[in-house]
Amino acid sequence: MPSARSTQSNPQAAPDLLARAYRRSLEVAVEHGLATVAFPSISTGAYGYPVAEAAPVALRTVVDFLRAGGRRLERVRFVLFDRRTLDAYAAALRALAG
């Protein structure tokens, strides 16, 4: 998982690592025939990955996956820990839509 330390030591690799974690989780959900999947804000808690950087990566990865044929999933939900995280994801979603 990407962490605050990995973003400092290799800032280019951390977003890719985070995207791969989401993508692989989505692939596993489809492989197991699941209709829904829920995600936390991966790596932004104990690992310290900045939520403002993680949110756009998470949302873009999920949207790209669904557009590329992962539509067998009926619902992907983000279950977020606090208002600060929700606000970061809401801002990232607005930027993604706009």
N, C-alpha and C. Protein backbone atom coordinates (compact mmCIF):
# COMPACT_ATOMS: atom_id res chain seq x y z
N MET A 1 0.84 -1.18 0.00
CA MET A 1 0.00 0.00 0.00
C MET A 1 0.88 1.24 0.00
N PRO A 2 0.45 2.26 -0.70
CA PRO A 2 1.22 3.50 -0.65
C PRO A 2 1.07 4.16 0.72
N SER A 3 2.11 4.81 1.12
CA SER A 3 2.12 5.46 2.42
C SER A 3 2.70 6.85 2.28
N ALA A 4 2.66 7.62 3.35
CA ALA A 4 3.25 8.95 3.34
C ALA A 4 4.74 8.83 2.98
N ARG A 5 5.38 7.80 3.48
CA ARG A 5 6.80 7.61 3.20
C ARG A 5 7.04 7.32 1.72
N SER A 6 6.17 6.49 1.11
CA SER A 6 6.37 6.16 -0.30
C SER A 6 6.07 7.34 -1.20
N THR A 7 5.18 8.25 -0.78
CA THR A 7 4.92 9.43 -1.60
C THR A 7 6.10 10.37 -1.56
N GLN A 8 6.85 10.36 -0.47
CA GLN A 8 8.02 11.22 -0.37
C GLN A 8 9.21 10.62 -1.10
N SER A 9 9.39 9.32 -0.99
CA SER A 9 10.57 8.70 -1.60
C SER A 9 10.41 8.49 -3.10
N ASN A 10 9.20 8.25 -3.57
CA ASN A 10 8.97 8.04 -5.00
C ASN A 10 7.57 8.54 -5.35
N PRO A 11 7.42 9.84 -5.48
CA PRO A 11 6.08 10.42 -5.66
C PRO A 11 5.37 9.97 -6.93
N GLN A 12 6.10 9.51 -7.93
CA GLN A 12 5.47 9.06 -9.17
C GLN A 12 4.89 7.65 -9.03
N ALA A 13 5.47 6.83 -8.19
CA ALA A 13 5.04 5.44 -8.06
C ALA A 13 3.83 5.29 -7.15
N ALA A 14 3.67 6.14 -6.17
CA ALA A 14 2.61 5.98 -5.19
C ALA A 14 1.21 6.01 -5.80
N PRO A 15 0.88 6.97 -6.68
CA PRO A 15 -0.47 6.95 -7.26
C PRO A 15 -0.73 5.69 -8.08
N ASP A 16 0.27 5.20 -8.77
CA ASP A 16 0.11 3.98 -9.56
C ASP A 16 -0.14 2.78 -8.66
N LEU A 17 0.59 2.71 -7.58
CA LEU A 17 0.41 1.62 -6.62
C LEU A 17 -1.00 1.65 -6.03
N LEU A 18 -1.47 2.84 -5.70
CA LEU A 18 -2.82 2.98 -5.16
C LEU A 18 -3.86 2.58 -6.21
N ALA A 19 -3.70 3.03 -7.42
CA ALA A 19 -4.64 2.67 -8.50
C ALA A 19 -4.66 1.16 -8.70
N ARG A 20 -3.50 0.53 -8.66
CA ARG A 20 -3.43 -0.92 -8.82
C ARG A 20 -4.17 -1.65 -7.71
N ALA A 21 -4.13 -1.12 -6.49
CA ALA A 21 -4.85 -1.74 -5.38
C ALA A 21 -6.36 -1.69 -5.62
N TYR A 22 -6.85 -0.54 -6.06
CA TYR A 22 -8.28 -0.45 -6.37
C TYR A 22 -8.65 -1.33 -7.55
N ARG A 23 -7.86 -1.27 -8.62
CA ARG A 23 -8.16 -2.04 -9.83
C ARG A 23 -8.19 -3.53 -9.54
N ARG A 24 -7.22 -4.02 -8.82
CA ARG A 24 -7.18 -5.45 -8.51
C ARG A 24 -8.36 -5.86 -7.64
N SER A 25 -8.74 -5.02 -6.71
CA SER A 25 -9.91 -5.31 -5.89
C SER A 25 -11.17 -5.40 -6.74
N LEU A 26 -11.31 -4.50 -7.70
CA LEU A 26 -12.45 -4.54 -8.61
C LEU A 26 -12.43 -5.81 -9.46
N GLU A 27 -11.26 -6.18 -9.94
CA GLU A 27 -11.14 -7.41 -10.73
C GLU A 27 -11.55 -8.63 -9.92
N VAL A 28 -11.12 -8.69 -8.69
CA VAL A 28 -11.47 -9.82 -7.83
C VAL A 28 -12.97 -9.85 -7.58
N ALA A 29 -13.58 -8.70 -7.38
CA ALA A 29 -15.03 -8.64 -7.18
C ALA A 29 -15.76 -9.21 -8.39
N VAL A 30 -15.32 -8.83 -9.59
CA VAL A 30 -15.95 -9.33 -10.82
C VAL A 30 -15.70 -10.83 -10.97
N GLU A 31 -14.47 -11.27 -10.70
CA GLU A 31 -14.14 -12.69 -10.81
C GLU A 31 -15.02 -13.55 -9.91
N HIS A 32 -15.43 -13.00 -8.79
CA HIS A 32 -16.26 -13.75 -7.83
C HIS A 32 -17.75 -13.50 -8.04
N GLY A 33 -18.08 -12.79 -9.10
CA GLY A 33 -19.48 -12.57 -9.43
C GLY A 33 -20.23 -11.63 -8.51
N LEU A 34 -19.50 -10.78 -7.82
CA LEU A 34 -20.16 -9.84 -6.92
C LEU A 34 -20.87 -8.74 -7.71
N ALA A 35 -21.95 -8.24 -7.15
CA ALA A 35 -22.69 -7.14 -7.78
C ALA A 35 -22.29 -5.80 -7.19
N THR A 36 -21.85 -5.82 -5.94
CA THR A 36 -21.47 -4.57 -5.27
C THR A 36 -20.14 -4.74 -4.56
N VAL A 37 -19.46 -3.64 -4.39
CA VAL A 37 -18.22 -3.61 -3.63
C VAL A 37 -18.15 -2.27 -2.91
N ALA A 38 -17.60 -2.27 -1.71
CA ALA A 38 -17.43 -1.05 -0.94
C ALA A 38 -15.95 -0.88 -0.61
N PHE A 39 -15.50 0.35 -0.71
CA PHE A 39 -14.10 0.67 -0.44
C PHE A 39 -14.00 1.71 0.67
N PRO A 40 -12.97 1.58 1.50
CA PRO A 40 -12.58 2.70 2.34
C PRO A 40 -11.66 3.59 1.50
N SER A 41 -11.18 4.62 2.07
CA SER A 41 -10.18 5.45 1.40
C SER A 41 -8.83 4.76 1.66
N ILE A 42 -8.46 3.87 0.77
CA ILE A 42 -7.29 3.01 0.96
C ILE A 42 -6.03 3.85 1.21
N SER A 43 -5.30 3.48 2.24
CA SER A 43 -3.99 4.01 2.61
C SER A 43 -4.00 5.40 3.24
N THR A 44 -5.17 6.01 3.40
CA THR A 44 -5.17 7.38 3.93
C THR A 44 -5.30 7.43 5.45
N GLY A 45 -5.44 6.30 6.08
CA GLY A 45 -5.53 6.27 7.55
C GLY A 45 -4.15 6.07 8.14
N ALA A 46 -3.91 4.88 8.64
CA ALA A 46 -2.66 4.57 9.33
C ALA A 46 -1.43 4.74 8.43
N TYR A 47 -1.60 4.52 7.11
CA TYR A 47 -0.46 4.66 6.20
C TYR A 47 -0.14 6.11 5.87
N GLY A 48 -1.07 7.02 6.14
CA GLY A 48 -0.77 8.44 6.01
C GLY A 48 -0.73 9.01 4.61
N TYR A 49 -1.26 8.28 3.62
CA TYR A 49 -1.29 8.81 2.25
C TYR A 49 -2.24 10.01 2.24
N PRO A 50 -1.87 11.12 1.66
CA PRO A 50 -2.72 12.32 1.68
C PRO A 50 -4.06 12.09 0.98
N VAL A 51 -5.15 12.31 1.71
CA VAL A 51 -6.47 12.02 1.18
C VAL A 51 -6.79 12.88 -0.06
N ALA A 52 -6.31 14.10 -0.09
CA ALA A 52 -6.57 14.95 -1.25
C ALA A 52 -5.89 14.42 -2.51
N GLU A 53 -4.84 13.65 -2.35
CA GLU A 53 -4.18 13.01 -3.50
C GLU A 53 -4.79 11.65 -3.79
N ALA A 54 -5.24 10.95 -2.77
CA ALA A 54 -5.78 9.61 -2.95
C ALA A 54 -7.17 9.62 -3.59
N ALA A 55 -7.99 10.58 -3.22
CA ALA A 55 -9.38 10.61 -3.70
C ALA A 55 -9.48 10.63 -5.23
N PRO A 56 -8.77 11.52 -5.93
CA PRO A 56 -8.88 11.50 -7.39
C PRO A 56 -8.39 10.20 -8.01
N VAL A 57 -7.36 9.62 -7.43
CA VAL A 57 -6.84 8.34 -7.95
C VAL A 57 -7.89 7.25 -7.78
N ALA A 58 -8.51 7.19 -6.62
CA ALA A 58 -9.52 6.17 -6.35
C ALA A 58 -10.71 6.32 -7.28
N LEU A 59 -11.23 7.52 -7.39
CA LEU A 59 -12.41 7.75 -8.22
C LEU A 59 -12.12 7.53 -9.71
N ARG A 60 -11.01 8.02 -10.18
CA ARG A 60 -10.66 7.85 -11.60
C ARG A 60 -10.48 6.38 -11.92
N THR A 61 -9.84 5.63 -11.03
CA THR A 61 -9.61 4.21 -11.26
C THR A 61 -10.92 3.45 -11.35
N VAL A 62 -11.85 3.74 -10.46
CA VAL A 62 -13.15 3.06 -10.48
C VAL A 62 -13.92 3.43 -11.74
N VAL A 63 -13.97 4.70 -12.08
CA VAL A 63 -14.68 5.13 -13.29
C VAL A 63 -14.08 4.48 -14.53
N ASP A 64 -12.77 4.50 -14.64
CA ASP A 64 -12.11 3.88 -15.80
C ASP A 64 -12.41 2.39 -15.88
N PHE A 65 -12.39 1.71 -14.75
CA PHE A 65 -12.67 0.29 -14.72
C PHE A 65 -14.09 0.01 -15.20
N LEU A 66 -15.04 0.75 -14.70
CA LEU A 66 -16.44 0.54 -15.08
C LEU A 66 -16.66 0.85 -16.56
N ARG A 67 -16.03 1.89 -17.05
CA ARG A 67 -16.16 2.24 -18.47
C ARG A 67 -15.50 1.22 -19.38
N ALA A 68 -14.49 0.53 -18.87
CA ALA A 68 -13.75 -0.44 -19.69
C ALA A 68 -14.39 -1.83 -19.67
N GLY A 69 -15.57 -1.94 -19.11
CA GLY A 69 -16.24 -3.23 -19.15
C GLY A 69 -16.47 -3.87 -17.81
N GLY A 70 -16.15 -3.20 -16.75
CA GLY A 70 -16.41 -3.73 -15.43
C GLY A 70 -17.85 -3.48 -15.00
N ARG A 71 -18.72 -3.30 -15.97
CA ARG A 71 -20.11 -2.94 -15.69
C ARG A 71 -20.90 -4.07 -15.03
N ARG A 72 -20.30 -5.24 -14.95
CA ARG A 72 -21.00 -6.31 -14.23
C ARG A 72 -21.20 -5.96 -12.77
N LEU A 73 -20.44 -5.01 -12.31
CA LEU A 73 -20.67 -4.49 -10.96
C LEU A 73 -21.83 -3.51 -11.03
N GLU A 74 -22.79 -3.69 -10.16
CA GLU A 74 -23.95 -2.80 -10.14
C GLU A 74 -23.70 -1.56 -9.29
N ARG A 75 -22.87 -1.71 -8.27
CA ARG A 75 -22.64 -0.57 -7.38
C ARG A 75 -21.24 -0.64 -6.79
N VAL A 76 -20.56 0.49 -6.83
CA VAL A 76 -19.29 0.65 -6.12
C VAL A 76 -19.50 1.80 -5.16
N ARG A 77 -19.27 1.53 -3.90
CA ARG A 77 -19.54 2.51 -2.86
C ARG A 77 -18.25 2.83 -2.12
N PHE A 78 -18.09 4.09 -1.78
CA PHE A 78 -16.98 4.50 -0.92
C PHE A 78 -17.53 4.78 0.47
N VAL A 79 -16.99 4.07 1.45
CA VAL A 79 -17.40 4.22 2.84
C VAL A 79 -16.27 4.96 3.54
N LEU A 80 -16.52 6.21 3.84
CA LEU A 80 -15.44 7.10 4.27
C LEU A 80 -15.53 7.40 5.77
N PHE A 81 -14.37 7.56 6.37
CA PHE A 81 -14.23 7.60 7.82
C PHE A 81 -14.77 8.87 8.47
N ASP A 82 -14.55 10.01 7.85
CA ASP A 82 -14.93 11.26 8.49
C ASP A 82 -15.30 12.32 7.46
N ARG A 83 -15.74 13.45 7.94
CA ARG A 83 -16.20 14.54 7.07
C ARG A 83 -15.07 15.06 6.18
N ARG A 84 -13.88 15.14 6.72
CA ARG A 84 -12.72 15.62 5.94
C ARG A 84 -12.49 14.72 4.73
N THR A 85 -12.57 13.43 4.92
CA THR A 85 -12.38 12.49 3.83
C THR A 85 -13.53 12.59 2.83
N LEU A 86 -14.75 12.68 3.34
CA LEU A 86 -15.90 12.87 2.46
C LEU A 86 -15.76 14.13 1.62
N ASP A 87 -15.34 15.21 2.24
CA ASP A 87 -15.16 16.47 1.50
C ASP A 87 -14.11 16.34 0.40
N ALA A 88 -13.03 15.62 0.69
CA ALA A 88 -11.98 15.42 -0.31
C ALA A 88 -12.50 14.60 -1.49
N TYR A 89 -13.28 13.57 -1.21
CA TYR A 89 -13.84 12.75 -2.28
C TYR A 89 -14.89 13.53 -3.07
N ALA A 90 -15.69 14.35 -2.40
CA ALA A 90 -16.69 15.17 -3.08
C ALA A 90 -16.00 16.16 -4.02
N ALA A 91 -14.92 16.77 -3.57
CA ALA A 91 -14.17 17.72 -4.42
C ALA A 91 -13.55 17.00 -5.61
N ALA A 92 -13.01 15.83 -5.36
CA ALA A 92 -12.42 15.05 -6.46
C ALA A 92 -13.48 14.62 -7.46
N LEU A 93 -14.64 14.27 -6.99
CA LEU A 93 -15.73 13.87 -7.89
C LEU A 93 -16.21 15.06 -8.72
N ARG A 94 -16.32 16.22 -8.12
CA ARG A 94 -16.69 17.43 -8.87
C ARG A 94 -15.66 17.72 -9.95
N ALA A 95 -14.39 17.60 -9.62
CA ALA A 95 -13.33 17.84 -10.61
C ALA A 95 -13.37 16.81 -11.72
N LEU A 96 -13.66 15.58 -11.39
CA LEU A 96 -13.74 14.52 -12.37
C LEU A 96 -14.92 14.73 -13.31
N ALA A 97 -16.02 15.20 -12.77
CA ALA A 97 -17.24 15.43 -13.58
C ALA A 97 -17.15 16.70 -14.40
N GLY A 98 -16.34 17.63 -13.95
CA GLY A 98 -16.30 18.94 -14.61
C GLY A 98 -15.23 19.05 -15.59
